[in-house]
Amino acid sequence: MTEIDHRHIGRDSLFLMAEVRMPGSDAEHRVKVRNLSAGGMMAEGTVKVLRGTQIEINLRNIGWIEGVVAWIQDNRFGIAFHKEIDPKLARAPVGVGESTPRFVKPAVRPVPVGPLRKI
C-alpha cells in the first residue's frame, strides 16, 4: 500500500447500508456507507478492523468487492478498493435494468374478434 493521498478523487456523499466481511470468515457486519468513489469508500459501524486488513464489501447493485482498510477514526474507516467500480450503480434503485424473463411473464390471451355475446 502506498502513502499517496487519494482524497482529490471525486466522491459521492450518500447514505447506504452494506455488508463487510474479512476473507476466510462467514461473519458479515452491517455498515453505513458515508461516501463512495470509484477507488474506495468511507464506512461507519461497530465492526473492529485494523489498518491494512483485507476486507470484502457487498454494495447494492455492485456485489462483493475486495479492498483494504486504509484508515480508521473512531467508528469510521476508509476502504481502498483493489479494482475500481462505478459508484453510480450503487445509487441506482435496486433492480434497475433488470427485466422479468419471458418464461416468467403470464401468457397474453388474444382479444376475441367479432361480436360480443349478451349474457
N, C-alpha and C. Protein backbone atom coordinates (compact mmCIF):
# COMPACT_ATOMS: atom_id res chain seq x y z
N MET A 1 0.84 -1.17 0.00
CA MET A 1 0.00 0.00 0.00
C MET A 1 0.89 1.24 0.00
N THR A 2 0.55 2.21 -0.81
CA THR A 2 1.36 3.41 -0.90
C THR A 2 0.83 4.48 0.04
N GLU A 3 1.64 5.46 0.27
CA GLU A 3 1.25 6.57 1.15
C GLU A 3 0.72 7.75 0.34
N ILE A 4 0.30 7.52 -0.89
CA ILE A 4 -0.21 8.58 -1.75
C ILE A 4 -1.58 9.02 -1.26
N ASP A 5 -1.84 10.33 -1.27
CA ASP A 5 -3.12 10.87 -0.84
C ASP A 5 -4.10 10.84 -2.00
N HIS A 6 -5.18 10.05 -1.88
CA HIS A 6 -6.17 9.90 -2.93
C HIS A 6 -7.42 10.73 -2.68
N ARG A 7 -7.40 11.64 -1.72
CA ARG A 7 -8.61 12.37 -1.36
C ARG A 7 -9.05 13.36 -2.43
N HIS A 8 -8.23 13.60 -3.44
CA HIS A 8 -8.62 14.51 -4.51
C HIS A 8 -9.58 13.84 -5.49
N ILE A 9 -9.72 12.52 -5.43
CA ILE A 9 -10.62 11.79 -6.32
C ILE A 9 -12.06 12.11 -5.92
N GLY A 10 -12.92 12.37 -6.93
CA GLY A 10 -14.31 12.72 -6.67
C GLY A 10 -15.04 11.63 -5.91
N ARG A 11 -15.85 12.03 -4.92
CA ARG A 11 -16.61 11.11 -4.11
C ARG A 11 -18.06 11.55 -4.09
N ASP A 12 -18.96 10.59 -3.96
CA ASP A 12 -20.37 10.87 -3.77
C ASP A 12 -20.68 10.72 -2.30
N SER A 13 -21.23 11.77 -1.69
CA SER A 13 -21.72 11.63 -0.32
C SER A 13 -23.10 10.99 -0.41
N LEU A 14 -23.32 9.96 0.36
CA LEU A 14 -24.59 9.26 0.31
C LEU A 14 -24.77 8.49 1.59
N PHE A 15 -25.90 7.85 1.72
CA PHE A 15 -26.17 7.02 2.89
C PHE A 15 -26.77 5.72 2.40
N LEU A 16 -25.98 4.68 2.41
CA LEU A 16 -26.41 3.34 2.05
C LEU A 16 -25.97 2.37 3.14
N MET A 17 -26.59 1.23 3.16
CA MET A 17 -26.14 0.16 4.04
C MET A 17 -25.39 -0.86 3.18
N ALA A 18 -24.40 -1.50 3.76
CA ALA A 18 -23.62 -2.52 3.07
C ALA A 18 -23.18 -3.55 4.10
N GLU A 19 -22.72 -4.68 3.61
CA GLU A 19 -22.15 -5.71 4.48
C GLU A 19 -20.66 -5.78 4.23
N VAL A 20 -19.89 -6.00 5.30
CA VAL A 20 -18.46 -6.22 5.17
C VAL A 20 -18.12 -7.54 5.85
N ARG A 21 -17.07 -8.16 5.35
CA ARG A 21 -16.56 -9.39 5.97
C ARG A 21 -15.07 -9.49 5.70
N MET A 22 -14.41 -10.22 6.57
CA MET A 22 -12.99 -10.47 6.38
C MET A 22 -12.86 -11.75 5.56
N PRO A 23 -11.96 -11.80 4.59
CA PRO A 23 -11.79 -13.03 3.81
C PRO A 23 -11.50 -14.21 4.73
N GLY A 24 -12.13 -15.33 4.42
CA GLY A 24 -11.96 -16.52 5.25
C GLY A 24 -12.96 -16.62 6.37
N SER A 25 -13.81 -15.60 6.54
CA SER A 25 -14.83 -15.60 7.58
C SER A 25 -16.20 -15.47 6.95
N ASP A 26 -17.16 -16.19 7.49
CA ASP A 26 -18.53 -16.08 7.00
C ASP A 26 -19.31 -14.98 7.73
N ALA A 27 -18.74 -14.43 8.80
CA ALA A 27 -19.42 -13.39 9.57
C ALA A 27 -19.51 -12.10 8.76
N GLU A 28 -20.74 -11.59 8.62
CA GLU A 28 -20.96 -10.34 7.91
C GLU A 28 -21.41 -9.28 8.92
N HIS A 29 -20.93 -8.06 8.71
CA HIS A 29 -21.25 -6.95 9.59
C HIS A 29 -21.88 -5.82 8.77
N ARG A 30 -23.00 -5.27 9.26
CA ARG A 30 -23.65 -4.17 8.55
C ARG A 30 -22.92 -2.87 8.88
N VAL A 31 -22.69 -2.07 7.83
CA VAL A 31 -22.07 -0.76 8.00
C VAL A 31 -22.84 0.26 7.18
N LYS A 32 -22.68 1.52 7.55
CA LYS A 32 -23.25 2.63 6.77
C LYS A 32 -22.17 3.12 5.81
N VAL A 33 -22.53 3.30 4.56
CA VAL A 33 -21.61 3.85 3.57
C VAL A 33 -21.83 5.35 3.58
N ARG A 34 -20.82 6.10 3.99
CA ARG A 34 -20.95 7.56 4.10
C ARG A 34 -20.55 8.28 2.82
N ASN A 35 -19.53 7.79 2.14
CA ASN A 35 -19.20 8.32 0.81
C ASN A 35 -18.56 7.22 0.00
N LEU A 36 -18.63 7.40 -1.32
CA LEU A 36 -18.21 6.34 -2.22
C LEU A 36 -17.59 6.95 -3.47
N SER A 37 -16.47 6.39 -3.89
CA SER A 37 -15.83 6.81 -5.14
C SER A 37 -15.46 5.56 -5.91
N ALA A 38 -14.90 5.74 -7.09
CA ALA A 38 -14.50 4.60 -7.91
C ALA A 38 -13.41 3.78 -7.22
N GLY A 39 -12.59 4.43 -6.40
CA GLY A 39 -11.46 3.75 -5.79
C GLY A 39 -11.60 3.38 -4.34
N GLY A 40 -12.69 3.81 -3.68
CA GLY A 40 -12.82 3.49 -2.27
C GLY A 40 -14.07 4.05 -1.64
N MET A 41 -14.17 3.92 -0.33
CA MET A 41 -15.36 4.38 0.39
C MET A 41 -15.03 4.64 1.85
N MET A 42 -15.94 5.39 2.51
CA MET A 42 -15.87 5.55 3.95
C MET A 42 -17.05 4.81 4.54
N ALA A 43 -16.80 3.95 5.51
CA ALA A 43 -17.83 3.18 6.17
C ALA A 43 -17.89 3.57 7.64
N GLU A 44 -19.06 3.36 8.23
CA GLU A 44 -19.25 3.62 9.66
C GLU A 44 -19.97 2.43 10.26
N GLY A 45 -19.41 1.90 11.35
CA GLY A 45 -20.03 0.76 12.01
C GLY A 45 -19.24 0.31 13.21
N THR A 46 -19.75 -0.72 13.85
CA THR A 46 -19.13 -1.21 15.07
C THR A 46 -18.13 -2.35 14.83
N VAL A 47 -17.95 -2.75 13.58
CA VAL A 47 -17.00 -3.81 13.28
C VAL A 47 -15.58 -3.33 13.60
N LYS A 48 -14.81 -4.19 14.22
CA LYS A 48 -13.43 -3.86 14.60
C LYS A 48 -12.48 -4.28 13.48
N VAL A 49 -11.80 -3.31 12.90
CA VAL A 49 -10.84 -3.57 11.83
C VAL A 49 -9.53 -2.89 12.17
N LEU A 50 -8.48 -3.34 11.53
CA LEU A 50 -7.16 -2.73 11.68
C LEU A 50 -6.70 -2.21 10.33
N ARG A 51 -5.91 -1.15 10.36
CA ARG A 51 -5.37 -0.61 9.11
C ARG A 51 -4.55 -1.70 8.42
N GLY A 52 -4.77 -1.85 7.12
CA GLY A 52 -4.07 -2.87 6.35
C GLY A 52 -4.82 -4.20 6.24
N THR A 53 -5.94 -4.32 6.97
CA THR A 53 -6.73 -5.54 6.93
C THR A 53 -7.41 -5.70 5.58
N GLN A 54 -7.30 -6.89 4.99
CA GLN A 54 -8.04 -7.20 3.77
C GLN A 54 -9.52 -7.33 4.15
N ILE A 55 -10.40 -6.83 3.29
CA ILE A 55 -11.82 -6.80 3.61
C ILE A 55 -12.62 -6.95 2.33
N GLU A 56 -13.84 -7.46 2.45
CA GLU A 56 -14.75 -7.57 1.32
C GLU A 56 -16.01 -6.78 1.65
N ILE A 57 -16.55 -6.08 0.67
CA ILE A 57 -17.71 -5.22 0.86
C ILE A 57 -18.77 -5.62 -0.15
N ASN A 58 -20.01 -5.75 0.31
CA ASN A 58 -21.14 -6.05 -0.58
C ASN A 58 -21.94 -4.77 -0.76
N LEU A 59 -21.80 -4.14 -1.93
CA LEU A 59 -22.51 -2.91 -2.24
C LEU A 59 -23.72 -3.19 -3.11
N ARG A 60 -24.79 -2.47 -2.85
CA ARG A 60 -26.03 -2.60 -3.61
C ARG A 60 -25.77 -2.42 -5.11
N ASN A 61 -26.35 -3.28 -5.93
CA ASN A 61 -26.25 -3.27 -7.39
C ASN A 61 -24.84 -3.52 -7.93
N ILE A 62 -23.87 -3.74 -7.05
CA ILE A 62 -22.49 -3.97 -7.50
C ILE A 62 -22.03 -5.37 -7.09
N GLY A 63 -22.31 -5.76 -5.87
CA GLY A 63 -21.89 -7.06 -5.37
C GLY A 63 -20.66 -6.95 -4.48
N TRP A 64 -20.00 -8.08 -4.28
CA TRP A 64 -18.84 -8.14 -3.39
C TRP A 64 -17.60 -7.57 -4.07
N ILE A 65 -16.91 -6.69 -3.34
CA ILE A 65 -15.71 -6.03 -3.82
C ILE A 65 -14.61 -6.26 -2.78
N GLU A 66 -13.41 -6.50 -3.25
CA GLU A 66 -12.28 -6.68 -2.34
C GLU A 66 -11.56 -5.35 -2.15
N GLY A 67 -11.05 -5.15 -0.94
CA GLY A 67 -10.31 -3.93 -0.65
C GLY A 67 -9.45 -4.11 0.58
N VAL A 68 -8.89 -2.99 1.02
CA VAL A 68 -8.04 -2.99 2.20
C VAL A 68 -8.40 -1.76 3.04
N VAL A 69 -8.37 -1.92 4.36
CA VAL A 69 -8.65 -0.80 5.26
C VAL A 69 -7.49 0.18 5.19
N ALA A 70 -7.79 1.42 4.77
CA ALA A 70 -6.75 2.43 4.58
C ALA A 70 -6.54 3.30 5.80
N TRP A 71 -7.61 3.57 6.55
CA TRP A 71 -7.51 4.41 7.74
C TRP A 71 -8.67 4.09 8.67
N ILE A 72 -8.52 4.48 9.93
CA ILE A 72 -9.55 4.27 10.96
C ILE A 72 -9.62 5.51 11.82
N GLN A 73 -10.83 5.96 12.14
CA GLN A 73 -11.03 7.04 13.09
C GLN A 73 -12.35 6.80 13.81
N ASP A 74 -12.27 6.52 15.09
CA ASP A 74 -13.43 6.19 15.92
C ASP A 74 -14.17 5.01 15.29
N ASN A 75 -15.46 5.18 14.96
CA ASN A 75 -16.22 4.08 14.37
C ASN A 75 -16.32 4.19 12.84
N ARG A 76 -15.49 5.03 12.25
CA ARG A 76 -15.45 5.18 10.79
C ARG A 76 -14.11 4.67 10.27
N PHE A 77 -14.14 4.14 9.05
CA PHE A 77 -12.90 3.67 8.44
C PHE A 77 -12.99 3.78 6.93
N GLY A 78 -11.83 3.95 6.31
CA GLY A 78 -11.76 4.07 4.86
C GLY A 78 -11.31 2.76 4.26
N ILE A 79 -11.88 2.44 3.10
CA ILE A 79 -11.52 1.22 2.38
C ILE A 79 -11.05 1.61 0.99
N ALA A 80 -9.88 1.14 0.60
CA ALA A 80 -9.36 1.33 -0.76
C ALA A 80 -9.66 0.05 -1.52
N PHE A 81 -10.42 0.18 -2.63
CA PHE A 81 -10.77 -1.00 -3.42
C PHE A 81 -9.57 -1.48 -4.24
N HIS A 82 -9.50 -2.79 -4.45
CA HIS A 82 -8.44 -3.36 -5.30
C HIS A 82 -8.70 -3.03 -6.76
N LYS A 83 -9.98 -2.99 -7.17
CA LYS A 83 -10.36 -2.65 -8.54
C LYS A 83 -11.39 -1.53 -8.49
N GLU A 84 -11.33 -0.62 -9.45
CA GLU A 84 -12.28 0.48 -9.48
C GLU A 84 -13.69 -0.02 -9.80
N ILE A 85 -14.68 0.71 -9.28
CA ILE A 85 -16.08 0.40 -9.51
C ILE A 85 -16.77 1.61 -10.14
N ASP A 86 -18.02 1.46 -10.53
CA ASP A 86 -18.83 2.58 -10.98
C ASP A 86 -19.75 2.96 -9.81
N PRO A 87 -19.41 4.02 -9.07
CA PRO A 87 -20.19 4.36 -7.87
C PRO A 87 -21.64 4.74 -8.18
N LYS A 88 -21.93 5.14 -9.42
CA LYS A 88 -23.31 5.50 -9.77
C LYS A 88 -24.24 4.30 -9.71
N LEU A 89 -23.70 3.11 -9.90
CA LEU A 89 -24.53 1.90 -9.82
C LEU A 89 -25.12 1.73 -8.42
N ALA A 90 -24.36 2.06 -7.39
CA ALA A 90 -24.84 1.90 -6.02
C ALA A 90 -25.98 2.86 -5.71
N ARG A 91 -26.04 4.01 -6.41
CA ARG A 91 -27.10 4.99 -6.20
C ARG A 91 -28.40 4.61 -6.90
N ALA A 92 -28.31 3.79 -7.95
CA ALA A 92 -29.49 3.42 -8.73
C ALA A 92 -30.43 2.56 -7.90
N PRO A 93 -31.73 2.67 -8.14
CA PRO A 93 -32.67 1.80 -7.43
C PRO A 93 -32.34 0.33 -7.69
N VAL A 94 -32.64 -0.51 -6.73
CA VAL A 94 -32.35 -1.93 -6.86
C VAL A 94 -33.13 -2.50 -8.03
N GLY A 95 -32.44 -3.29 -8.86
CA GLY A 95 -33.10 -3.96 -9.97
C GLY A 95 -33.21 -3.13 -11.23
N VAL A 96 -32.59 -1.95 -11.29
CA VAL A 96 -32.68 -1.13 -12.50
C VAL A 96 -32.00 -1.87 -13.64
N GLY A 97 -32.66 -1.88 -14.78
CA GLY A 97 -32.10 -2.53 -15.94
C GLY A 97 -32.43 -4.01 -16.01
N GLU A 98 -32.98 -4.55 -14.95
CA GLU A 98 -33.37 -5.95 -14.97
C GLU A 98 -34.79 -6.05 -15.47
N SER A 99 -35.08 -7.08 -16.21
CA SER A 99 -36.45 -7.30 -16.64
C SER A 99 -36.82 -8.74 -16.31
N THR A 100 -38.10 -8.99 -16.21
CA THR A 100 -38.57 -10.32 -15.93
C THR A 100 -38.33 -11.20 -17.15
N PRO A 101 -37.74 -12.36 -16.97
CA PRO A 101 -37.53 -13.24 -18.12
C PRO A 101 -38.86 -13.59 -18.79
N ARG A 102 -38.83 -13.79 -20.07
CA ARG A 102 -40.05 -14.02 -20.83
C ARG A 102 -40.81 -15.23 -20.33
N PHE A 103 -40.10 -16.29 -19.92
CA PHE A 103 -40.78 -17.51 -19.49
C PHE A 103 -41.53 -17.33 -18.18
N VAL A 104 -41.28 -16.24 -17.43
CA VAL A 104 -41.96 -15.99 -16.17
C VAL A 104 -43.21 -15.14 -16.39
N LYS A 105 -43.25 -14.39 -17.46
CA LYS A 105 -44.37 -13.50 -17.72
C LYS A 105 -45.62 -14.31 -18.05
N PRO A 106 -46.78 -13.83 -17.61
CA PRO A 106 -48.01 -14.56 -17.93
C PRO A 106 -48.28 -14.50 -19.43
N ALA A 107 -48.88 -15.56 -19.92
CA ALA A 107 -49.23 -15.60 -21.34
C ALA A 107 -50.34 -14.59 -21.62
N VAL A 108 -50.26 -13.95 -22.75
CA VAL A 108 -51.27 -12.96 -23.15
C VAL A 108 -52.27 -13.67 -24.05
N ARG A 109 -53.54 -13.58 -23.67
CA ARG A 109 -54.58 -14.19 -24.49
C ARG A 109 -54.99 -13.22 -25.57
N PRO A 110 -55.21 -13.74 -26.77
CA PRO A 110 -55.65 -12.84 -27.84
C PRO A 110 -57.05 -12.32 -27.56
N VAL A 111 -57.30 -11.09 -27.94
CA VAL A 111 -58.62 -10.48 -27.76
C VAL A 111 -59.55 -11.09 -28.81
N PRO A 112 -60.75 -11.55 -28.38
CA PRO A 112 -61.65 -12.15 -29.36
C PRO A 112 -62.09 -11.13 -30.41
N VAL A 113 -62.13 -11.59 -31.63
CA VAL A 113 -62.54 -10.74 -32.73
C VAL A 113 -63.97 -11.10 -33.10
N GLY A 114 -64.79 -10.13 -33.34
CA GLY A 114 -66.18 -10.40 -33.71
C GLY A 114 -67.13 -9.84 -32.66
N PRO A 115 -68.40 -10.09 -32.83
CA PRO A 115 -69.40 -9.53 -31.92
C PRO A 115 -69.33 -10.19 -30.55
N LEU A 116 -69.66 -9.43 -29.53
CA LEU A 116 -69.68 -9.95 -28.17
C LEU A 116 -71.06 -10.53 -27.90
N ARG A 117 -71.10 -11.56 -27.07
CA ARG A 117 -72.37 -12.17 -26.67
C ARG A 117 -73.00 -11.37 -25.55
N LYS A 118 -74.32 -11.35 -25.55
CA LYS A 118 -75.03 -10.77 -24.41
C LYS A 118 -75.24 -11.86 -23.40
N ILE A 119 -75.08 -11.51 -22.16
CA ILE A 119 -75.26 -12.51 -21.11
C ILE A 119 -76.56 -12.24 -20.38
